Protein backbone atom coordinates (compact mmCIF):
# COMPACT_ATOMS: atom_id res chain seq x y z
CA MET A 1 34.89 -166.92 72.46
CA THR A 2 34.09 -168.46 68.86
CA GLN A 3 34.92 -171.75 67.79
CA ASP A 4 38.35 -172.96 66.06
CA SER A 5 40.22 -171.00 68.67
CA THR A 6 39.35 -167.44 67.53
CA TYR A 7 38.07 -164.60 69.36
CA ARG A 8 35.50 -162.00 68.20
CA ILE A 9 36.70 -158.35 68.70
CA ARG A 10 34.39 -156.06 69.20
CA VAL A 11 35.87 -152.07 68.69
CA ASP A 12 33.78 -149.25 69.21
CA LEU A 13 35.13 -146.11 67.55
CA ALA A 14 34.44 -142.51 66.40
CA TYR A 15 35.60 -140.66 63.18
CA ASP A 16 35.13 -136.87 61.42
CA GLY A 17 34.11 -138.14 57.92
CA THR A 18 35.26 -134.72 56.51
CA SER A 19 37.99 -136.25 54.87
CA TYR A 20 36.74 -139.49 53.72
CA ARG A 21 34.23 -141.20 51.24
CA GLY A 22 32.58 -142.71 53.46
CA TRP A 23 33.23 -145.99 55.52
CA ALA A 24 33.39 -148.42 53.23
CA LYS A 25 36.74 -149.13 51.16
CA GLN A 26 36.75 -147.77 47.44
CA PRO A 27 39.84 -148.49 44.75
CA GLY A 28 41.93 -145.46 44.99
CA LEU A 29 39.47 -143.52 47.56
CA PRO A 30 40.37 -142.84 51.28
CA SER A 31 37.77 -144.13 53.50
CA VAL A 32 37.30 -145.17 57.14
CA GLN A 33 37.70 -148.63 56.98
CA ALA A 34 40.60 -148.38 55.10
CA ALA A 35 42.13 -146.75 57.52
CA VAL A 36 41.16 -149.09 60.47
CA GLU A 37 41.90 -151.84 58.50
CA THR A 38 45.37 -150.57 57.59
CA GLY A 39 46.19 -149.96 61.38
CA LEU A 40 45.02 -153.15 62.28
CA GLU A 41 47.21 -154.85 59.36
CA THR A 42 50.40 -152.93 60.82
CA ILE A 43 49.51 -154.28 64.23
CA PHE A 44 48.93 -158.02 63.21
CA ARG A 45 51.10 -157.80 60.54
CA GLY A 46 48.48 -159.31 58.06
CA PRO A 47 44.87 -158.44 56.52
CA ILE A 48 42.10 -158.10 59.16
CA ARG A 49 38.46 -157.94 57.60
CA THR A 50 36.17 -155.66 59.47
CA THR A 51 32.53 -155.81 59.91
CA VAL A 52 30.78 -152.65 60.51
CA ALA A 53 27.22 -151.73 62.33
CA GLY A 54 26.29 -149.28 59.38
CA ARG A 55 28.04 -148.01 56.66
CA THR A 56 28.08 -143.91 56.69
CA ASP A 57 28.47 -142.09 53.50
CA ALA A 58 31.16 -139.39 52.48
CA GLY A 59 31.34 -136.44 54.62
CA VAL A 60 29.09 -138.23 57.53
CA HIS A 61 30.45 -138.58 60.70
CA ALA A 62 30.43 -140.72 63.72
CA ALA A 63 30.19 -140.65 67.48
CA HIS A 64 29.88 -144.24 68.47
CA GLN A 65 30.61 -146.69 65.61
CA VAL A 66 30.87 -150.13 66.28
CA ILE A 67 33.01 -152.78 64.29
CA HIS A 68 33.79 -156.54 64.68
CA PHE A 69 36.79 -158.80 63.32
CA ASP A 70 38.11 -162.23 64.38
CA LEU A 71 41.64 -163.29 65.93
CA THR A 72 43.17 -166.42 66.75
CA THR A 73 43.62 -166.84 70.07
CA ASP A 74 47.41 -166.37 69.59
CA GLN A 75 46.68 -163.04 68.08
CA TRP A 76 44.89 -161.72 70.90
CA HIS A 77 46.97 -162.88 73.75
CA LYS A 78 50.20 -161.93 72.13
CA LEU A 79 49.07 -158.80 71.30
CA PRO A 80 51.84 -155.80 70.98
CA GLY A 81 51.91 -154.04 74.23
CA HIS A 82 50.00 -156.65 76.41
CA THR A 83 51.93 -157.37 79.48
CA PRO A 84 50.51 -158.85 82.70
CA GLN A 85 50.05 -155.50 84.08
CA ARG A 86 48.04 -154.25 80.92
CA ALA A 87 45.08 -156.35 79.45
CA PRO A 88 44.89 -157.09 75.61
CA GLU A 89 41.71 -154.82 75.50
CA GLU A 90 43.64 -151.90 76.98
CA ALA A 91 46.68 -152.82 74.52
CA MET A 92 44.30 -152.66 71.41
CA VAL A 93 42.91 -149.48 72.05
CA SER A 94 46.49 -147.98 72.57
CA LYS A 95 48.25 -149.53 69.57
CA LEU A 96 45.56 -148.79 67.16
CA ASN A 97 45.09 -145.43 68.39
CA GLY A 98 48.93 -145.08 67.93
CA VAL A 99 48.72 -146.48 64.25
CA LEU A 100 45.75 -144.12 63.54
CA ALA A 101 47.72 -141.11 64.82
CA ARG A 102 48.56 -140.69 61.18
CA GLU A 103 45.03 -139.90 60.69
CA ALA A 104 45.35 -136.32 62.22
CA GLY A 105 42.93 -137.32 64.99
CA ALA A 106 40.20 -137.80 62.68
CA ILE A 107 39.39 -141.57 64.18
CA ARG A 108 39.47 -142.51 67.37
CA ILE A 109 39.27 -145.99 69.06
CA LEU A 110 37.13 -145.90 72.23
CA THR A 111 36.84 -149.33 73.23
CA ALA A 112 37.81 -152.82 72.51
CA ARG A 113 36.56 -156.16 74.16
CA ILE A 114 35.87 -159.99 73.24
CA ALA A 115 32.27 -159.83 72.00
CA PRO A 116 29.58 -162.05 73.32
CA GLU A 117 28.86 -165.32 71.59
CA GLY A 118 26.83 -165.00 68.64
CA PHE A 119 27.76 -160.58 68.52
CA ASP A 120 27.51 -159.39 65.17
CA ALA A 121 28.15 -155.75 64.59
CA ARG A 122 26.00 -155.57 61.21
CA PHE A 123 23.03 -157.76 62.35
CA SER A 124 22.74 -157.76 66.19
CA PRO A 125 21.77 -153.98 66.53
CA VAL A 126 18.20 -153.55 67.40
CA SER A 127 18.25 -149.85 66.20
CA ARG A 128 20.77 -147.13 65.14
CA SER A 129 20.21 -143.27 65.87
CA TYR A 130 21.32 -140.46 63.71
CA ARG A 131 21.67 -136.63 64.61
CA TYR A 132 21.49 -133.90 61.95
CA ARG A 133 22.71 -130.40 62.55
CA ILE A 134 21.12 -127.32 61.14
CA THR A 135 21.89 -123.59 61.36
CA HIS A 136 20.81 -120.63 58.90
CA GLY A 137 22.31 -117.60 58.27
CA THR A 138 26.41 -117.09 57.88
CA PRO A 139 28.08 -120.30 58.43
CA ASP A 140 30.05 -120.39 61.70
CA PRO A 141 33.81 -121.16 60.89
CA LEU A 142 34.66 -123.30 63.93
CA THR A 143 31.29 -125.64 63.32
CA ARG A 144 31.50 -125.92 59.33
CA HIS A 145 32.51 -129.14 59.24
CA TYR A 146 29.59 -130.94 61.32
CA THR A 147 26.91 -128.39 60.64
CA TYR A 148 24.57 -127.29 57.72
CA THR A 149 24.04 -123.71 56.98
CA HIS A 150 21.08 -123.52 55.38
CA ARG A 151 20.69 -120.12 53.43
CA ARG A 152 17.07 -119.27 53.96
CA ALA A 153 15.15 -118.78 57.44
CA LEU A 154 13.17 -121.60 59.09
CA ASP A 155 10.38 -122.14 60.45
CA VAL A 156 11.00 -124.71 63.41
CA GLU A 157 7.22 -124.85 64.45
CA ALA A 158 6.30 -125.80 60.76
CA MET A 159 9.23 -128.87 60.84
CA ILE A 160 8.27 -129.85 64.30
CA THR A 161 4.25 -130.15 62.82
CA GLU A 162 5.75 -131.78 59.39
CA THR A 163 7.24 -134.92 61.55
CA ASN A 164 3.69 -135.74 63.13
CA GLY A 165 2.82 -139.12 61.86
CA VAL A 166 6.28 -139.88 60.44
CA GLU A 167 7.24 -142.49 63.23
CA GLY A 168 6.08 -145.85 62.68
CA LEU A 169 6.39 -148.90 60.07
CA HIS A 170 6.00 -147.19 56.67
CA ASP A 171 7.53 -147.77 53.11
CA PHE A 172 10.13 -144.91 52.90
CA GLY A 173 10.20 -145.48 49.12
CA SER A 174 9.98 -141.62 48.40
CA PHE A 175 13.13 -141.07 50.99
CA CYS A 176 15.55 -144.18 49.58
CA LYS A 177 17.98 -144.51 46.65
CA PRO A 178 16.21 -147.83 44.84
CA ARG A 179 18.14 -151.02 44.96
CA PRO A 180 17.21 -153.65 42.84
CA GLY A 181 14.99 -156.33 44.88
CA ALA A 182 15.38 -154.26 47.96
CA THR A 183 12.28 -153.09 50.53
CA THR A 184 12.24 -149.72 51.72
CA ILE A 185 10.02 -150.68 54.54
CA ARG A 186 11.31 -149.06 57.71
CA GLN A 187 10.30 -149.05 61.54
CA LEU A 188 11.01 -145.00 62.59
CA GLU A 189 11.19 -144.94 66.12
CA THR A 190 12.14 -141.26 66.60
CA PHE A 191 11.92 -138.31 64.16
CA ALA A 192 12.06 -135.16 65.97
CA VAL A 193 13.14 -131.55 65.75
CA GLU A 194 14.50 -129.62 68.63
CA VAL A 195 16.26 -126.12 69.49
CA ALA A 196 19.55 -126.29 71.19
CA GLN A 197 21.38 -123.03 71.82
CA ASP A 198 22.05 -121.91 68.12
CA ALA A 199 21.19 -124.82 66.09
CA ILE A 200 18.38 -126.58 64.80
CA ILE A 201 18.92 -130.78 65.87
CA VAL A 202 16.62 -133.46 64.11
CA ARG A 203 16.83 -136.40 65.66
CA LEU A 204 15.91 -140.14 63.86
CA THR A 205 16.25 -143.35 65.39
CA ALA A 206 15.07 -146.79 63.63
CA ASP A 207 15.77 -150.49 63.59
CA ALA A 208 17.56 -149.97 60.06
CA PHE A 209 18.04 -146.82 57.49
CA CYS A 210 17.71 -147.87 53.45
CA HIS A 211 20.52 -145.62 51.67
CA HIS A 212 20.06 -142.04 51.68
CA MET A 213 17.07 -142.19 53.96
CA VAL A 214 18.06 -139.90 56.60
CA ARG A 215 19.59 -137.19 54.56
CA ALA A 216 16.12 -136.98 52.18
CA LEU A 217 13.93 -136.80 55.42
CA VAL A 218 16.04 -134.28 56.68
CA GLY A 219 16.23 -132.55 53.15
CA ALA A 220 12.12 -132.84 52.82
CA LEU A 221 11.84 -131.34 56.48
CA LEU A 222 14.25 -128.43 55.02
CA MET A 223 11.64 -127.62 52.04
CA VAL A 224 8.72 -127.24 54.27
CA GLY A 225 10.70 -125.29 56.56
CA ASP A 226 11.78 -122.78 54.74
CA GLY A 227 8.66 -122.51 52.62
CA SER A 228 9.75 -124.12 49.42
CA ARG A 229 7.12 -126.94 50.26
CA ALA A 230 3.80 -126.68 51.51
CA PRO A 231 2.66 -128.01 55.08
CA GLY A 232 2.09 -131.52 54.78
CA TRP A 233 4.27 -132.20 51.84
CA LEU A 234 6.55 -134.82 53.37
CA GLN A 235 3.74 -136.57 55.26
CA ASP A 236 2.16 -137.10 51.81
CA ARG A 237 5.41 -138.23 50.13
CA LEU A 238 5.47 -140.60 52.58
CA ALA A 239 1.50 -141.91 52.15
CA HIS A 240 2.28 -142.31 48.68
CA PRO A 241 5.68 -143.60 47.97
CA VAL A 242 7.32 -142.46 44.83
CA ARG A 243 10.83 -142.91 43.38
CA ASP A 244 11.49 -139.31 41.50
CA SER A 245 13.67 -136.46 41.14
CA HIS A 246 11.92 -134.49 43.92
CA MET A 247 13.95 -136.59 46.47
CA ALA A 248 16.51 -133.98 47.64
CA LEU A 249 19.33 -134.74 50.33
CA ALA A 250 20.55 -132.56 52.60
CA PRO A 251 24.17 -132.36 52.71
CA ALA A 252 26.27 -135.19 54.15
CA HIS A 253 28.23 -133.39 56.51
CA GLY A 254 25.25 -132.08 58.79
CA LEU A 255 24.86 -135.97 59.71
CA LEU A 256 26.34 -137.71 62.46
CA LEU A 257 25.98 -141.50 63.27
CA GLU A 258 25.09 -141.11 67.29
CA THR A 259 25.29 -144.47 68.48
CA VAL A 260 24.16 -148.19 67.74
CA HIS A 261 21.84 -149.81 69.71
CA TYR A 262 22.37 -153.80 70.82
CA PRO A 263 20.18 -156.08 73.34
CA ALA A 264 22.06 -157.58 76.23
CA ASP A 265 25.10 -159.91 75.41
CA THR A 266 22.90 -163.00 76.33
CA GLU A 267 20.63 -161.96 73.07
CA VAL A 268 22.99 -160.47 70.81
CA GLY A 269 23.28 -164.24 68.81
CA GLN A 270 19.71 -164.50 68.63
CA ARG A 271 19.21 -160.99 67.60
CA ALA A 272 21.46 -161.61 64.59
CA ASP A 273 20.03 -164.55 63.54
CA GLU A 274 16.77 -162.88 63.62
CA THR A 275 17.84 -160.32 61.56
CA ARG A 276 19.44 -162.39 58.81
CA ALA A 277 16.38 -164.55 58.34
CA ARG A 278 14.50 -161.03 57.91
CA ARG A 279 16.85 -159.71 55.53
CA THR A 280 16.87 -162.71 53.63
CA THR A 281 13.10 -163.15 52.99
CA THR A 282 13.01 -159.21 52.24
CA SER A 283 16.33 -158.18 50.58
CA SER A 284 16.79 -155.14 52.93
CA SER A 285 18.44 -152.21 51.04
CA CYS A 286 21.17 -151.31 53.45
CA ASP A 287 21.71 -150.74 57.06
C-alpha cells in the first residue's frame, strides 16, 4: 500500500498486437494502452493512467506484459463484482476481461494484485525477454500473424555462430534508432538461435532494449543467415558502432515479448530507485 490511502495495482496481461499500432496511445490510432485504459475507465467511471514495463512497437505481441496503476482504497474495495466470496483481485480480472471482450480476444488480463511497496512496472524489472519466430518458404496461414516467413533459405549454423561474442555489455549503436542524448549501451544477457519443430527461434534477454534493438539484431542475423552478408558482419557492426542505412529491421509480427523479470517483492523498490538514478545520469533511450 502506498501513501495517501491508495493502492498500487499490478496487472499482468497478454495481447496479439496485429491490429494495434503498438502499446502506446496515439491520436486517432488503435493501441493496446488505449484499449486497456478505456476498459479501466469503464469500470471505475473515471480516467486511469497506466505505466507499462516496456513499450512494444506496432504489430509486436506479448505473452506476458506488466502494467501498474494507482487506485484509492475506496475504489479497490468497492470494485464492481467484489463480494465477500470474491476477492477484488478476482473481480478485477473478470471485469476487465469482460470489458475487453470487445477487442475480439486480442487482449487478455492474466492476473491482478496489490503491488509490493515501491513497485514500478517500468523501473523495477531486472530484465526483459523476447522471442522472434522465423520460417522460410511458403507462409503458413495458421501462424502468419506471429511468424515471419523469410523467402530465402537460412543457414542456421551460420546464424548460431554469428551470435558468438554478442552477449555482454556493449554499445549497440548500430542496432538502435538514435534518440538525442540517449545511450545505446546495454547488457545483453541472452542472444541464442534454436530450431523448434518447423521454426527457427531467436531468443534475447537484456536489462533493457533501446528502440528497434531486437528487430535490428534479428534483421542482421537474417542477412548473415541467407548469405546477403558475410559471416562476421553482425559482430563487426557491434565492434564498430555506427548509425547508418544498413540497419535492417526484421518485421514486427514475428516478435513476442515473452516475459518481464522482476526481483523479489522486498527488492522491487530498491531496484526502481537504482534504475531511475541510472537513467537520469545516462539518459536511457527506451525500455
